[in-house]
Protein backbone atom coordinates (compact mmCIF):
# COMPACT_ATOMS: atom_id res chain seq x y z
CA MET A 1 -55.31 41.29 -166.11
CA THR A 2 -57.74 40.55 -163.27
CA HIS A 3 -60.51 38.14 -164.19
CA GLN A 4 -63.97 38.80 -162.82
CA ARG A 5 -65.64 35.69 -161.52
CA ALA A 6 -68.70 34.63 -159.62
CA ARG A 7 -68.65 34.62 -155.85
CA SER A 8 -67.95 31.15 -154.54
CA PHE A 9 -70.36 29.44 -152.19
CA VAL A 10 -70.36 26.00 -150.59
CA ILE A 11 -72.90 23.18 -150.68
CA TYR A 12 -72.05 20.71 -147.95
CA TYR A 13 -74.51 18.01 -146.94
CA GLY A 14 -72.07 16.26 -144.61
CA TRP A 15 -72.09 16.61 -140.87
CA LEU A 16 -70.81 19.76 -139.16
CA THR A 17 -71.04 18.28 -135.68
CA ASP A 18 -70.57 14.64 -134.71
CA GLY A 19 -72.87 14.41 -131.72
CA PRO A 20 -75.82 15.90 -129.87
CA GLN A 21 -73.51 18.12 -127.83
CA GLY A 22 -73.11 20.26 -130.97
CA ALA A 23 -69.36 20.91 -130.99
CA PRO A 24 -68.06 21.86 -134.47
CA ASN A 25 -66.17 19.03 -136.15
CA ALA A 26 -63.23 19.14 -138.57
CA GLY A 27 -65.50 19.81 -141.55
CA ALA A 28 -67.11 22.82 -139.88
CA ARG A 29 -63.70 24.18 -138.93
CA ARG A 30 -62.41 23.76 -142.51
CA ILE A 31 -65.38 25.69 -143.86
CA ALA A 32 -65.00 28.43 -141.27
CA SER A 33 -61.29 28.72 -142.08
CA ALA A 34 -62.02 29.08 -145.81
CA ALA A 35 -64.74 31.66 -145.01
CA PRO A 36 -66.94 31.41 -148.12
CA PRO A 37 -69.63 34.09 -148.11
CA LEU A 38 -72.46 31.53 -148.20
CA LEU A 39 -73.02 27.93 -147.07
CA ILE A 40 -75.93 25.60 -147.80
CA ALA A 41 -76.16 22.83 -145.20
CA GLN A 42 -78.48 20.23 -143.73
CA PRO A 43 -80.12 21.43 -140.50
CA TRP A 44 -80.27 17.92 -139.01
CA THR A 45 -78.18 14.77 -139.25
CA ALA A 46 -79.74 11.59 -140.59
CA ALA A 47 -81.81 9.15 -138.56
CA PRO A 48 -81.54 7.40 -136.21
CA ALA A 49 -79.35 9.99 -134.47
CA GLY A 50 -81.09 13.00 -135.97
CA HIS A 51 -79.35 15.61 -133.87
CA CYS A 52 -79.03 19.26 -134.87
CA ASN A 53 -76.35 19.71 -137.51
CA LEU A 54 -76.56 23.50 -137.42
CA SER A 55 -76.06 23.65 -133.67
CA PRO A 56 -75.62 26.95 -131.81
CA GLN A 57 -71.88 26.24 -131.57
CA VAL A 58 -71.56 25.53 -135.29
CA LEU A 59 -73.56 28.60 -136.22
CA ALA A 60 -71.49 30.77 -133.86
CA LEU A 61 -68.30 29.52 -135.55
CA LEU A 62 -69.70 30.26 -139.01
CA ARG A 63 -71.07 33.62 -137.94
CA ASP A 64 -67.64 34.65 -136.64
CA ALA A 65 -66.27 33.76 -140.08
CA ARG A 66 -68.95 35.99 -141.69
CA ILE A 67 -70.57 33.05 -143.48
CA GLU A 68 -74.25 33.34 -144.42
CA VAL A 69 -75.96 30.01 -143.71
CA HIS A 70 -78.98 28.63 -145.57
CA ALA A 71 -80.71 25.54 -144.16
CA TYR A 72 -81.83 22.80 -146.55
CA VAL A 73 -85.54 21.97 -146.96
CA ALA A 74 -86.77 19.47 -149.59
CA THR A 75 -90.05 20.36 -151.31
CA GLY A 76 -90.73 17.33 -153.52
CA PHE A 77 -91.35 19.50 -156.61
CA GLY A 78 -94.63 20.71 -155.11
CA ARG A 79 -96.22 17.26 -155.21
CA GLY A 80 -96.00 16.48 -151.50
CA ASP A 81 -98.02 17.50 -148.47
CA ALA A 82 -97.66 21.24 -147.93
CA SER A 83 -98.12 21.01 -144.16
CA THR A 84 -95.25 18.52 -143.86
CA VAL A 85 -92.93 20.74 -145.89
CA LEU A 86 -94.02 23.79 -143.88
CA GLN A 87 -93.21 21.93 -140.65
CA ALA A 88 -89.71 21.24 -141.93
CA LEU A 89 -89.34 24.85 -143.06
CA ASP A 90 -90.53 26.22 -139.71
CA ALA A 91 -88.09 23.97 -137.84
CA ALA A 92 -85.19 25.12 -140.06
CA ALA A 93 -86.25 28.75 -139.77
CA GLY A 94 -86.20 28.37 -135.99
CA LEU A 95 -82.42 28.05 -136.15
CA ALA A 96 -80.20 31.13 -136.24
CA VAL A 97 -79.67 30.89 -140.00
CA GLN A 98 -79.92 33.66 -142.56
CA GLY A 99 -81.90 31.77 -145.15
CA ILE A 100 -83.78 28.70 -146.34
CA PHE A 101 -82.63 26.61 -149.29
CA LEU A 102 -85.66 25.09 -151.00
CA ASP A 103 -84.55 22.02 -152.93
CA GLU A 104 -86.50 19.98 -155.50
CA VAL A 105 -88.38 23.07 -156.63
CA ASP A 106 -90.79 22.91 -159.54
CA PRO A 107 -89.43 25.24 -162.27
CA LEU A 108 -92.81 27.00 -162.47
CA VAL A 109 -93.02 26.90 -166.23
CA HIS A 110 -96.73 26.49 -165.48
CA ASP A 111 -98.77 27.87 -162.57
CA ALA A 112 -99.89 24.54 -161.07
CA THR A 113 -97.60 24.67 -158.03
CA LEU A 114 -97.18 28.45 -157.73
CA GLY A 115 -99.54 28.64 -154.75
CA PHE A 116 -97.60 25.88 -152.96
CA TYR A 117 -94.31 27.73 -153.35
CA ALA A 118 -95.77 31.14 -152.60
CA ARG A 119 -96.93 29.72 -149.27
CA LEU A 120 -93.47 28.38 -148.46
CA SER A 121 -91.80 31.61 -149.50
CA SER A 122 -94.18 33.70 -147.40
CA ALA A 123 -93.51 31.53 -144.35
CA ALA A 124 -89.74 31.86 -144.76
CA ARG A 125 -89.88 35.61 -145.31
CA ALA A 126 -92.23 36.09 -142.37
CA ALA A 127 -89.50 34.46 -140.27
CA GLY A 128 -86.99 36.98 -141.64
CA LYS A 129 -85.19 34.48 -143.86
CA GLN A 130 -83.93 34.80 -147.42
CA VAL A 131 -85.01 32.14 -149.91
CA ILE A 132 -82.93 30.22 -152.44
CA ALA A 133 -84.96 28.04 -154.81
CA ASN A 134 -83.20 25.16 -156.54
CA THR A 135 -84.96 23.94 -159.66
CA GLY A 136 -81.84 22.20 -160.96
CA VAL A 137 -82.86 23.03 -164.53
CA ALA A 138 -82.25 25.98 -166.82
CA ARG A 139 -85.75 26.23 -168.27
CA CYS A 140 -87.78 28.03 -165.61
CA GLY A 141 -90.78 30.28 -165.55
CA GLU A 142 -90.11 33.84 -164.48
CA ARG A 143 -92.65 33.30 -161.68
CA VAL A 144 -89.89 31.59 -159.70
CA MET A 145 -88.32 35.00 -159.08
CA GLN A 146 -91.40 35.96 -157.10
CA ILE A 147 -90.85 33.21 -154.55
CA ALA A 148 -87.04 33.30 -154.39
CA ASP A 149 -84.36 35.85 -153.64
CA ARG A 150 -81.96 33.66 -155.63
CA LEU A 151 -82.51 30.93 -158.20
CA MET A 152 -80.17 27.94 -158.42
CA VAL A 153 -80.05 25.92 -161.63
CA GLU A 154 -77.30 23.56 -160.45
CA HIS A 155 -75.25 22.06 -163.28
CA GLN A 156 -77.28 23.69 -166.07
CA TRP A 157 -75.96 27.22 -165.48
CA ARG A 158 -74.45 27.43 -168.97
CA GLU A 159 -77.94 27.07 -170.44
CA LEU A 160 -79.84 29.55 -168.29
CA CYS A 161 -79.65 32.53 -170.65
CA LYS A 162 -80.75 30.35 -173.58
CA GLN A 163 -83.50 28.38 -171.85
CA SER A 164 -84.78 31.29 -169.73
CA PRO A 165 -84.02 34.49 -171.70
CA TRP A 166 -86.00 36.55 -169.19
CA SER A 167 -83.08 36.06 -166.76
CA ALA A 168 -81.19 38.85 -168.57
CA LYS A 169 -83.48 41.35 -166.83
CA TYR A 170 -82.10 40.49 -163.40
CA GLU A 171 -78.85 41.12 -161.58
CA ARG A 172 -76.24 38.36 -161.56
CA ASP A 173 -76.58 38.11 -157.80
CA ARG A 174 -80.00 36.49 -158.25
CA PHE A 175 -78.57 33.37 -159.95
CA MET A 176 -76.49 30.44 -158.72
CA GLY A 177 -74.76 27.57 -160.52
CA VAL A 178 -72.89 24.43 -159.50
CA SER A 179 -70.06 22.42 -161.03
CA SER A 180 -69.64 19.03 -159.37
CA ASN A 181 -68.68 15.44 -160.07
CA GLU A 182 -72.04 14.16 -158.84
CA GLU A 183 -73.14 11.54 -161.39
CA HIS A 184 -70.67 13.07 -163.90
CA ALA A 185 -73.17 15.89 -164.39
CA MET A 186 -70.72 18.29 -166.08
CA GLY A 187 -69.31 15.81 -168.60
CA TYR A 188 -65.79 16.57 -167.33
CA ASP A 189 -63.90 16.21 -164.06
CA VAL A 190 -64.12 19.15 -161.71
CA ASP A 191 -60.79 19.91 -160.05
CA SER A 192 -59.35 23.11 -158.58
CA ALA A 193 -58.34 24.55 -161.95
CA ARG A 194 -61.71 23.75 -163.47
CA ALA A 195 -63.48 25.25 -160.45
CA ALA A 196 -61.80 28.62 -161.04
CA ALA A 197 -62.39 28.50 -164.79
CA ASP A 198 -66.06 27.61 -164.36
CA ALA A 199 -66.54 30.47 -161.91
CA ARG A 200 -65.24 32.91 -164.51
CA ASP A 201 -67.45 31.35 -167.19
CA ALA A 202 -70.46 31.57 -164.90
CA TRP A 203 -69.88 35.28 -164.32
CA ALA A 204 -69.62 35.91 -168.06
CA LEU A 205 -72.98 34.16 -168.52
CA GLY A 206 -74.79 36.22 -165.91
CA ILE A 207 -74.44 33.80 -162.97
CA GLY A 208 -73.32 35.71 -159.89
CA TRP A 209 -72.74 32.74 -157.57
CA HIS A 210 -70.88 29.52 -158.32
CA ALA A 211 -70.03 26.43 -156.26
CA ALA A 212 -67.55 23.74 -157.24
CA THR A 213 -67.09 20.41 -155.49
CA GLU A 214 -66.66 16.71 -156.07
CA ARG A 215 -69.50 15.37 -153.92
CA TYR A 216 -72.05 17.25 -151.85
CA ILE A 217 -71.37 15.13 -148.77
CA GLU A 218 -67.63 15.76 -148.72
CA LEU A 219 -65.23 18.64 -149.11
CA PRO A 220 -62.78 18.19 -152.00
CA GLU A 221 -59.06 17.84 -151.33
CA TRP A 222 -58.48 21.24 -152.93
CA PHE A 223 -61.19 22.98 -150.89
CA ASP A 224 -58.77 24.80 -148.59
CA ALA A 225 -57.02 26.37 -151.58
């Protein structure tokens, strides 16, 4: 019997190039070899170097592997300065990526930050980019589907249908979940066997995309398999 399971994607906040020249490093080559359909990555490396992580060479490698790339942008749950977040979004959208990954998104249970996120979403879509919104929680207001093409609820994917029953109205492809060992969020160790099992569970619960890893800044030993 063939088990249906969610499509796997990769969250990788490590470096894809080791210098300002932009040549793909071993991590970028491992991801390209595995060819997941979607990658979420940091557009820039950390200060003080701060060079472009999603360099033209890296993006060309990933494009050849048919990997859709979404650049990370933190939003501070809608409490920060909108112009600063928009600057970061515009810079990320200026890269040859397919989408923007909005992290630290307010779950929009209330309308207080809806205008903030509508502005970000409009800017991304005007640049021709898809939008993934990561609330990290299962209890969300349905308004979030207005500002995002896909909603990520991170480790709480098992609770989405209970905490947000409106989600049953939408296609699985609109929802994303994560199983990782970050801060023991799952309550169990995520290994290769658990990754496959969780992907099948996610599909059964209406989650069309699933990522499994140990830490966001590293690729697990079993990644290539």
